[in-house]
Amino acid sequence: MAARTAQRAVTAAVAQRNVVHPPPDTPEQVWSTNVNVRATPSTSARIVIVIPAPTTVYVKCQKHAESVSYGGITNAAWSYLPQQQGWISNIFLKGPAWMPGVPECP
């Protein structure tokens, strides 16, 4: 009985923590420097922040939007970064054009 009560308390505490501090989304690697994160998935959108160096970002979801070309490669997928509250072209993320395991944005 005590173990069951303790387990319910732990479950409730974890649920409360996730409301206050949501668990991270899918980690992905930015491979380039000075990458623009934009307000919408478009190169003409306002720049929210610039990622100055290769780093890990957390991706909530991705969608097909404006094509971006860089280094002879073109990609039309963009990912939403909730911590930066903006969008990054998947062309600047390590991996395939469409990130496996990342859901499509509604």
Protein backbone atom coordinates (compact mmCIF):
# COMPACT_ATOMS: atom_id res chain seq x y z
CA MET A 1 0.00 0.00 0.00
CA ALA A 2 2.77 2.45 0.92
CA ALA A 3 4.66 1.64 -2.28
CA ARG A 4 1.55 2.32 -4.37
CA THR A 5 0.97 5.66 -2.59
CA ALA A 6 4.61 6.61 -3.10
CA GLN A 7 4.43 5.70 -6.81
CA ARG A 8 1.32 7.88 -7.24
CA ALA A 9 3.13 10.77 -5.53
CA VAL A 10 6.15 10.39 -7.84
CA THR A 11 3.90 10.23 -10.92
CA ALA A 12 2.07 13.39 -9.82
CA ALA A 13 5.36 15.20 -9.13
CA VAL A 14 6.77 14.30 -12.56
CA ALA A 15 3.56 15.44 -14.27
CA GLN A 16 3.71 18.77 -12.40
CA ARG A 17 7.38 19.23 -13.30
CA ASN A 18 6.60 18.63 -16.98
CA VAL A 19 3.97 21.39 -16.86
CA VAL A 20 6.46 23.87 -15.42
CA HIS A 21 9.53 22.57 -17.31
CA PRO A 22 8.40 20.58 -20.37
CA PRO A 23 10.74 17.80 -21.42
CA PRO A 24 12.99 18.73 -24.34
CA ASP A 25 11.90 18.10 -27.88
CA THR A 26 14.04 16.21 -30.40
CA PRO A 27 17.70 17.28 -30.18
CA GLU A 28 19.31 18.07 -33.53
CA GLN A 29 22.73 19.45 -34.44
CA VAL A 30 23.21 22.80 -36.21
CA TRP A 31 26.36 22.31 -38.28
CA SER A 32 27.00 25.89 -39.47
CA THR A 33 27.81 29.26 -37.89
CA ASN A 34 25.65 32.41 -37.84
CA VAL A 35 22.43 30.58 -38.73
CA ASN A 36 19.28 32.72 -38.73
CA VAL A 37 16.24 31.56 -36.79
CA ARG A 38 13.19 33.24 -38.29
CA ALA A 39 9.71 34.20 -37.09
CA THR A 40 8.09 32.13 -39.88
CA PRO A 41 9.55 29.45 -42.21
CA SER A 42 10.69 31.92 -44.86
CA THR A 43 13.98 33.65 -45.68
CA SER A 44 12.14 36.97 -45.83
CA ALA A 45 10.75 36.62 -42.28
CA ARG A 46 12.08 38.64 -39.38
CA ILE A 47 15.20 37.16 -37.74
CA VAL A 48 14.41 36.12 -34.17
CA ILE A 49 17.93 35.11 -33.18
CA VAL A 50 21.21 34.13 -34.81
CA ILE A 51 22.85 30.87 -33.74
CA PRO A 52 26.53 31.88 -33.69
CA ALA A 53 28.22 28.45 -33.67
CA PRO A 54 27.48 24.77 -34.23
CA THR A 55 25.31 23.60 -31.33
CA THR A 56 22.40 21.40 -30.30
CA VAL A 57 18.88 22.77 -30.73
CA TYR A 58 15.57 21.19 -29.76
CA VAL A 59 13.04 20.71 -32.54
CA LYS A 60 9.31 20.48 -31.80
CA CYS A 61 8.09 19.78 -35.35
CA GLN A 62 8.90 20.38 -39.01
CA LYS A 63 7.03 21.39 -42.15
CA HIS A 64 7.55 21.94 -45.85
CA ALA A 65 7.81 25.63 -46.72
CA GLU A 66 10.12 27.91 -48.72
CA SER A 67 13.07 26.20 -50.43
CA VAL A 68 16.51 27.22 -49.23
CA SER A 69 19.72 26.63 -51.20
CA TYR A 70 23.16 26.54 -49.62
CA GLY A 71 26.38 24.96 -50.83
CA GLY A 72 24.72 23.47 -53.90
CA ILE A 73 21.97 21.77 -51.87
CA THR A 74 18.29 22.78 -51.81
CA ASN A 75 15.84 21.85 -49.06
CA ALA A 76 12.25 22.98 -48.43
CA ALA A 77 11.91 21.59 -44.89
CA TRP A 78 11.92 23.88 -41.84
CA SER A 79 11.94 23.01 -38.14
CA TYR A 80 10.32 24.90 -35.28
CA LEU A 81 12.61 25.59 -32.29
CA PRO A 82 10.44 26.32 -29.23
CA GLN A 83 13.34 27.55 -27.09
CA GLN A 84 14.21 30.19 -29.72
CA GLN A 85 10.55 30.69 -30.68
CA GLY A 86 11.36 30.52 -34.37
CA TRP A 87 12.10 28.45 -37.47
CA ILE A 88 15.35 27.11 -38.90
CA SER A 89 15.84 25.67 -42.36
CA ASN A 90 16.64 21.96 -42.12
CA ILE A 91 19.49 22.60 -44.53
CA PHE A 92 21.47 23.78 -41.48
CA LEU A 93 20.71 20.67 -39.40
CA LYS A 94 22.85 17.54 -39.61
CA GLY A 95 21.06 14.61 -41.16
CA PRO A 96 18.62 14.07 -44.00
CA ALA A 97 16.41 16.79 -45.50
CA TRP A 98 13.41 15.58 -43.47
CA MET A 99 14.47 14.79 -39.89
CA PRO A 100 13.47 11.24 -38.84
CA GLY A 101 11.53 11.03 -35.59
CA VAL A 102 10.44 14.68 -35.71
CA PRO A 103 6.68 15.11 -36.20
CA GLU A 104 5.17 17.25 -38.94
CA CYS A 105 3.85 20.60 -37.73
CA PRO A 106 0.09 21.10 -38.02
